[in-house]
Amino acid sequence: MKILVTGGSGFLGRHLVSALEKAGYEDIVVFNRKPCEDLRSKHVSVIYGDLQDAEAVEKAMAGCDAVFHVAAKAGVWGPYSEYYRINVVGTQNVLQACLKHNVRYLVYTSSPSVVFNGQSLVNVSEKVGYGNPRKMCAYAKTKMVAERLVLRANGEKGLKTVALRPHLIWGPGDNHLIPTILKAAQQRRLFQVGNGDNWVDISYVTNVAQAHLLALKALQNASSSVAGKVYFISQGDPVQLWPWLRQLLKKLGAPQPHLKMPTGIAYSFGALFELLYKLLCIKRQPPMTRFVAKELSQSHYFDISAAKMDLHYVPQISNEEGMELLVSWMKQQNKGTF
């Protein structure tokens, strides 16, 4: 079986490629925009290209049986047009290439943010509808559009599709979530938003990679009914966000967030910063946005019973073990100092 992985050099992408190799897959193609020669191996080849280039995507997909579409533009700030070109147009190009080359299976990496409606999400299942676009950031909006396209394509020319929604991926190799929090703490810019009693789902990266492999196996099973469906993925063990972050920072020897800000004030500051940054054409991310204020102060965790039942997904790395592995990796990367 020949498998294409888009965004193979990213955080999840690298773990997925490694998991595929360990599982015995011998013909893996990484389609990537940025240099990632270190991924090349006996079983992994690299093709460079941009998701926005339909011709490049089609060439990379020639002869493939399955595709893991992981690549996306993530973040909470930036022009909607940029997110749309990568997350929506890029996904359209992947789907068109799948249909042209008669690819049989497509596993799409979506996001739980597609159901964000501005309110806490407490143990919600896949039965919940899509969220309110007016409450979403550009990333969430475009991932919602792309997910719909992927699900709609299920059944076309024999293509089977499934979408996974992993929540807050973390672990060794993280180049975004935890490093951003750590940097803010080190610069004394990290402050608690809300009263600190909100519960959130987190997803250890190797567990998420394993969920992707299980999704492919399920699609290959003629008696499985996963095609055309979505699945929330997490540890299945929510944590209280702020106590968990404080514990992590303590293990890293990083400063604790001593300041607290009510959700309403943080939300107002977010709205103000968004307005100013847009008027002044400032490209870097504001210190606060409305979306981030809600995410940091509200509960958002999900029922993963469907993934356990249909995909036979069982997280192999616990929250406790995952934190130790992450701390060890980060100390190694920073030579024991922060």
Protein backbone atom coordinates (compact mmCIF):
# COMPACT_ATOMS: atom_id res chain seq x y z
CA MET A 1 0.00 0.00 0.00
CA LYS A 2 1.30 3.43 -0.98
CA ILE A 3 0.40 6.19 1.49
CA LEU A 4 0.66 9.96 1.14
CA VAL A 5 0.99 12.20 4.21
CA THR A 6 0.48 15.92 3.73
CA GLY A 7 2.31 18.10 6.23
CA GLY A 8 4.65 15.28 7.25
CA SER A 9 7.23 17.65 8.72
CA GLY A 10 4.77 19.12 11.23
CA PHE A 11 4.37 18.10 14.86
CA LEU A 12 1.67 15.47 14.31
CA GLY A 13 2.91 14.66 10.81
CA ARG A 14 6.30 13.49 12.04
CA HIS A 15 4.77 11.25 14.67
CA LEU A 16 2.35 9.85 12.10
CA VAL A 17 5.11 9.04 9.61
CA SER A 18 7.08 7.33 12.40
CA ALA A 19 3.99 5.35 13.46
CA LEU A 20 3.39 4.23 9.87
CA GLU A 21 6.97 2.99 9.56
CA LYS A 22 6.76 1.14 12.88
CA ALA A 23 3.49 -0.44 11.74
CA GLY A 24 5.28 -1.92 8.74
CA TYR A 25 4.15 0.35 5.90
CA GLU A 26 6.94 0.42 3.32
CA ASP A 27 5.87 3.02 0.76
CA ILE A 28 5.20 6.35 2.47
CA VAL A 29 5.27 9.67 0.60
CA VAL A 30 5.54 12.95 2.48
CA PHE A 31 4.14 15.95 0.63
CA ASN A 32 5.54 19.06 2.21
CA ARG A 33 6.25 22.71 1.54
CA LYS A 34 9.19 23.13 3.92
CA PRO A 35 12.49 21.20 3.76
CA CYS A 36 12.34 17.91 5.68
CA GLU A 37 15.16 15.77 4.31
CA ASP A 38 15.61 14.14 7.72
CA LEU A 39 12.37 12.26 7.10
CA ARG A 40 13.77 10.38 4.12
CA SER A 41 14.43 6.71 4.79
CA LYS A 42 14.23 3.31 3.16
CA HIS A 43 10.45 3.51 3.32
CA VAL A 44 9.82 7.26 3.22
CA SER A 45 10.20 9.56 0.21
CA VAL A 46 9.68 13.32 0.17
CA ILE A 47 7.98 15.39 -2.51
CA TYR A 48 8.00 19.16 -2.15
CA GLY A 49 5.04 21.26 -3.12
CA ASP A 50 2.27 23.57 -1.96
CA LEU A 51 -1.26 22.44 -1.17
CA GLN A 52 -2.52 25.45 -3.09
CA ASP A 53 -0.91 24.06 -6.26
CA ALA A 54 -3.43 21.56 -7.61
CA GLU A 55 -1.00 20.18 -10.19
CA ALA A 56 1.70 19.55 -7.56
CA VAL A 57 -0.79 17.75 -5.33
CA GLU A 58 -1.97 15.56 -8.21
CA LYS A 59 1.59 14.57 -9.14
CA ALA A 60 2.44 13.69 -5.55
CA MET A 61 -0.65 11.50 -5.22
CA ALA A 62 -0.07 9.38 -8.31
CA GLY A 63 -0.26 5.70 -7.43
CA CYS A 64 -1.37 6.24 -3.84
CA ASP A 65 -3.93 4.02 -2.17
CA ALA A 66 -4.48 6.11 0.96
CA VAL A 67 -3.97 9.70 2.10
CA PHE A 68 -3.56 11.26 5.51
CA HIS A 69 -4.36 14.93 5.05
CA VAL A 70 -2.71 16.49 8.09
CA ALA A 71 -1.33 19.76 6.69
CA ALA A 72 -3.14 22.97 7.66
CA LYS A 73 -2.57 26.55 8.62
CA ALA A 74 -3.12 26.67 12.37
CA GLY A 75 -3.33 29.57 14.81
CA VAL A 76 -5.82 32.07 16.11
CA TRP A 77 -4.79 35.14 14.17
CA GLY A 78 -4.28 36.20 10.58
CA PRO A 79 -6.24 37.08 7.42
CA TYR A 80 -9.14 34.76 6.67
CA SER A 81 -7.96 34.57 3.06
CA GLU A 82 -4.69 32.91 4.09
CA TYR A 83 -6.46 30.28 6.14
CA TYR A 84 -8.97 29.72 3.36
CA ARG A 85 -6.32 29.19 0.67
CA ILE A 86 -4.49 26.54 2.69
CA ASN A 87 -7.24 24.86 4.69
CA VAL A 88 -10.08 24.97 2.17
CA VAL A 89 -8.52 25.28 -1.28
CA GLY A 90 -5.74 22.93 -0.20
CA THR A 91 -8.30 20.35 0.90
CA GLN A 92 -10.25 20.78 -2.35
CA ASN A 93 -7.03 20.05 -4.25
CA VAL A 94 -6.41 16.94 -2.14
CA LEU A 95 -9.94 15.68 -2.80
CA GLN A 96 -9.71 16.35 -6.53
CA ALA A 97 -6.41 14.48 -6.69
CA CYS A 98 -7.89 11.58 -4.73
CA LEU A 99 -10.74 11.26 -7.20
CA LYS A 100 -8.47 11.61 -10.22
CA HIS A 101 -6.10 8.88 -9.06
CA ASN A 102 -8.83 6.64 -7.62
CA VAL A 103 -7.44 6.82 -4.10
CA ARG A 104 -9.44 4.50 -1.87
CA TYR A 105 -9.03 5.99 1.61
CA LEU A 106 -8.68 9.49 3.04
CA VAL A 107 -8.16 10.25 6.74
CA TYR A 108 -8.57 13.96 7.42
CA THR A 109 -7.19 15.72 10.50
CA SER A 110 -9.90 18.13 11.58
CA SER A 111 -10.37 20.03 14.86
CA PRO A 112 -12.92 20.18 17.70
CA SER A 113 -12.96 23.94 17.15
CA VAL A 114 -15.44 23.32 14.32
CA VAL A 115 -18.17 22.93 16.96
CA PHE A 116 -17.19 26.04 18.95
CA ASN A 117 -20.22 28.19 19.72
CA GLY A 118 -18.88 30.56 22.35
CA GLN A 119 -20.10 28.43 25.25
CA SER A 120 -18.54 25.66 27.33
CA LEU A 121 -18.58 22.23 25.70
CA VAL A 122 -19.06 19.58 28.38
CA ASN A 123 -18.64 15.94 27.36
CA VAL A 124 -20.26 16.55 23.98
CA SER A 125 -20.40 13.81 21.37
CA GLU A 126 -20.25 13.86 17.59
CA LYS A 127 -24.02 14.40 17.60
CA VAL A 128 -23.45 18.08 18.37
CA GLY A 129 -23.80 20.27 15.30
CA TYR A 130 -21.26 22.66 13.85
CA GLY A 131 -20.59 25.81 15.84
CA ASN A 132 -21.33 29.46 15.25
CA PRO A 133 -18.95 30.93 12.63
CA ARG A 134 -19.38 34.40 14.16
CA LYS A 135 -17.79 33.09 17.35
CA MET A 136 -14.89 31.33 15.60
CA CYS A 137 -11.42 32.39 14.56
CA ALA A 138 -10.41 31.99 10.90
CA TYR A 139 -8.76 28.63 11.60
CA ALA A 140 -11.94 27.12 13.05
CA LYS A 141 -14.14 28.54 10.29
CA THR A 142 -11.98 27.14 7.50
CA LYS A 143 -11.50 23.76 9.18
CA MET A 144 -15.29 23.52 9.43
CA VAL A 145 -15.67 24.20 5.70
CA ALA A 146 -12.91 21.72 4.85
CA GLU A 147 -14.33 18.99 7.08
CA ARG A 148 -17.69 19.29 5.36
CA LEU A 149 -16.01 18.91 1.97
CA VAL A 150 -14.21 15.77 3.11
CA LEU A 151 -17.35 14.15 4.47
CA ARG A 152 -19.33 15.14 1.40
CA ALA A 153 -16.74 13.44 -0.82
CA ASN A 154 -17.24 10.09 0.88
CA GLY A 155 -18.51 7.56 -1.63
CA GLU A 156 -17.43 9.46 -4.74
CA LYS A 157 -15.66 7.10 -7.15
CA GLY A 158 -15.21 4.60 -4.34
CA LEU A 159 -13.37 7.02 -2.05
CA LYS A 160 -13.91 6.41 1.66
CA THR A 161 -13.29 9.35 4.00
CA VAL A 162 -13.23 9.90 7.74
CA ALA A 163 -12.42 12.98 9.83
CA LEU A 164 -10.68 13.00 13.22
CA ARG A 165 -10.94 15.86 15.69
CA PRO A 166 -7.96 15.65 18.09
CA HIS A 167 -8.07 18.25 20.86
CA LEU A 168 -5.00 20.20 22.05
CA ILE A 169 -2.22 17.93 20.80
CA TRP A 170 0.88 17.93 23.01
CA GLY A 171 4.03 15.91 23.64
CA PRO A 172 7.67 15.67 22.51
CA GLY A 173 8.26 17.60 19.31
CA ASP A 174 5.59 20.21 20.08
CA ASN A 175 6.64 23.41 18.36
CA HIS A 176 3.55 25.47 19.09
CA LEU A 177 1.23 24.88 22.04
CA ILE A 178 3.48 24.19 25.04
CA PRO A 179 6.44 26.30 23.80
CA THR A 180 4.09 29.29 23.41
CA ILE A 181 2.81 28.87 26.95
CA LEU A 182 6.33 28.41 28.31
CA LYS A 183 7.61 31.53 26.53
CA ALA A 184 4.74 33.61 27.91
CA ALA A 185 5.46 32.31 31.42
CA GLN A 186 9.16 33.08 31.12
CA GLN A 187 8.37 36.61 30.00
CA ARG A 188 5.89 37.03 32.86
CA ARG A 189 3.07 37.48 30.33
CA LEU A 190 1.08 34.39 31.26
CA PHE A 191 -1.96 35.12 33.41
CA GLN A 192 -4.93 33.01 34.37
CA VAL A 193 -8.16 33.83 32.57
CA GLY A 194 -11.32 33.00 34.50
CA ASN A 195 -11.67 31.34 37.88
CA GLY A 196 -9.50 28.36 36.91
CA ASP A 197 -12.08 25.61 37.36
CA ASN A 198 -12.53 24.82 33.65
CA TRP A 199 -11.91 21.28 32.43
CA VAL A 200 -10.37 20.59 29.01
CA ASP A 201 -9.40 17.61 26.90
CA ILE A 202 -5.79 17.14 25.85
CA SER A 203 -4.35 14.64 23.35
CA TYR A 204 -0.90 13.10 23.60
CA VAL A 205 0.63 13.13 20.15
CA THR A 206 1.49 9.42 19.81
CA ASN A 207 -2.06 8.54 20.83
CA VAL A 208 -3.35 10.85 18.09
CA ALA A 209 -1.02 9.27 15.52
CA GLN A 210 -2.27 5.84 16.54
CA ALA A 211 -5.87 7.01 16.13
CA HIS A 212 -5.06 7.93 12.54
CA LEU A 213 -3.72 4.44 11.82
CA LEU A 214 -6.77 2.88 13.41
CA ALA A 215 -9.01 5.08 11.26
CA LEU A 216 -7.30 3.81 8.11
CA LYS A 217 -7.70 0.20 9.23
CA ALA A 218 -11.36 0.82 9.94
CA LEU A 219 -11.88 2.28 6.46
CA GLN A 220 -10.26 -0.83 4.99
CA ASN A 221 -12.67 -3.06 6.88
CA ALA A 222 -15.63 -3.79 4.62
CA SER A 223 -17.91 -4.39 7.61
CA SER A 224 -17.01 -1.10 9.30
CA SER A 225 -19.36 1.89 9.20
CA VAL A 226 -16.81 4.66 9.89
CA ALA A 227 -16.74 6.06 6.34
CA GLY A 228 -18.31 9.49 6.14
CA LYS A 229 -18.15 10.04 9.90
CA VAL A 230 -16.23 12.25 12.33
CA TYR A 231 -14.62 11.29 15.64
CA PHE A 232 -13.40 13.30 18.60
CA ILE A 233 -9.97 12.17 19.77
CA SER A 234 -8.39 12.88 23.16
CA GLN A 235 -6.94 11.22 26.23
CA GLY A 236 -10.47 10.54 27.43
CA ASP A 237 -9.28 11.99 30.72
CA PRO A 238 -9.99 15.74 30.96
CA VAL A 239 -7.76 17.93 33.13
CA GLN A 240 -8.38 21.19 34.92
CA LEU A 241 -6.52 23.49 32.59
CA TRP A 242 -4.84 25.89 34.98
CA PRO A 243 -3.75 23.38 37.67
CA TRP A 244 -2.38 21.18 34.86
CA LEU A 245 -0.43 24.08 33.36
CA ARG A 246 0.90 25.07 36.78
CA GLN A 247 2.08 21.52 37.39
CA LEU A 248 3.84 21.44 34.01
CA LEU A 249 5.52 24.81 34.59
CA LYS A 250 6.64 23.70 38.04
CA LYS A 251 8.28 20.57 36.62
CA LEU A 252 10.06 22.75 34.06
CA GLY A 253 11.17 25.24 36.69
CA ALA A 254 9.32 28.03 34.89
CA PRO A 255 7.53 30.99 36.53
CA GLN A 256 3.95 30.46 37.62
CA PRO A 257 1.11 32.70 36.38
CA HIS A 258 0.36 34.86 39.43
CA LEU A 259 -2.08 37.30 37.85
CA LYS A 260 -5.74 36.45 37.25
CA MET A 261 -8.20 38.16 34.92
CA PRO A 262 -11.99 37.72 34.76
CA THR A 263 -13.24 36.22 31.52
CA GLY A 264 -15.30 39.30 30.62
CA ILE A 265 -12.35 41.64 30.95
CA ALA A 266 -10.08 39.33 28.95
CA TYR A 267 -12.75 39.07 26.26
CA SER A 268 -13.06 42.87 26.08
CA PHE A 269 -9.30 43.25 25.86
CA GLY A 270 -9.30 40.64 23.09
CA ALA A 271 -11.87 42.59 21.10
CA LEU A 272 -9.88 45.79 21.56
CA PHE A 273 -6.59 44.19 20.53
CA GLU A 274 -8.19 42.62 17.46
CA LEU A 275 -9.53 46.01 16.36
CA LEU A 276 -6.24 47.82 16.92
CA TYR A 277 -4.14 45.16 15.22
CA LYS A 278 -6.41 45.17 12.18
CA LEU A 279 -6.47 48.99 11.94
CA LEU A 280 -2.70 49.20 12.33
CA CYS A 281 -2.10 46.19 10.03
CA ILE A 282 0.00 44.44 12.66
CA LYS A 283 0.65 40.89 11.50
CA ARG A 284 1.88 39.30 14.71
CA GLN A 285 -0.64 37.68 17.03
CA PRO A 286 -2.24 39.98 19.64
CA PRO A 287 -1.57 39.19 23.31
CA MET A 288 -5.26 38.30 23.61
CA THR A 289 -8.19 37.61 21.29
CA ARG A 290 -11.86 36.91 21.98
CA PHE A 291 -11.48 33.29 20.89
CA VAL A 292 -8.44 32.73 23.16
CA ALA A 293 -10.19 34.36 26.13
CA LYS A 294 -13.01 31.85 25.79
CA GLU A 295 -10.71 28.88 25.23
CA LEU A 296 -8.64 29.69 28.34
CA SER A 297 -11.61 30.15 30.64
CA GLN A 298 -14.30 27.74 29.47
CA SER A 299 -14.58 23.97 29.65
CA HIS A 300 -14.22 22.02 26.43
CA TYR A 301 -14.00 18.26 26.61
CA PHE A 302 -15.58 15.53 24.55
CA ASP A 303 -17.10 12.07 24.66
CA ILE A 304 -14.77 9.71 22.78
CA SER A 305 -16.99 6.64 23.15
CA ALA A 306 -17.54 6.51 19.39
CA ALA A 307 -13.80 6.41 18.66
CA LYS A 308 -13.36 3.66 21.24
CA MET A 309 -16.19 1.62 19.79
CA ASP A 310 -15.75 2.15 16.04
CA LEU A 311 -11.98 2.66 15.79
CA HIS A 312 -11.02 0.55 18.81
CA TYR A 313 -9.10 3.57 20.00
CA VAL A 314 -7.56 3.24 23.46
CA PRO A 315 -5.02 5.91 24.51
CA GLN A 316 -1.74 4.13 25.23
CA ILE A 317 0.06 7.04 26.92
CA SER A 318 -1.64 8.48 30.03
CA ASN A 319 -1.64 12.14 31.04
CA GLU A 320 0.87 11.43 33.80
CA GLU A 321 3.27 9.44 31.62
CA GLY A 322 2.87 11.94 28.82
CA MET A 323 3.84 14.85 31.07
CA GLU A 324 6.99 13.07 32.21
CA LEU A 325 7.96 12.29 28.62
CA LEU A 326 7.30 15.88 27.56
CA VAL A 327 9.26 17.38 30.46
CA SER A 328 12.19 15.05 29.81
CA TRP A 329 12.22 15.97 26.11
CA MET A 330 11.96 19.70 26.76
CA LYS A 331 14.78 19.62 29.33
CA GLN A 332 16.91 17.71 26.85
CA GLN A 333 16.17 20.27 24.15
CA ASN A 334 17.07 23.11 26.49
CA LYS A 335 20.01 21.25 28.10
CA GLY A 336 18.18 21.14 31.42
CA THR A 337 17.68 24.89 31.76
CA PHE A 338 14.77 27.25 31.06
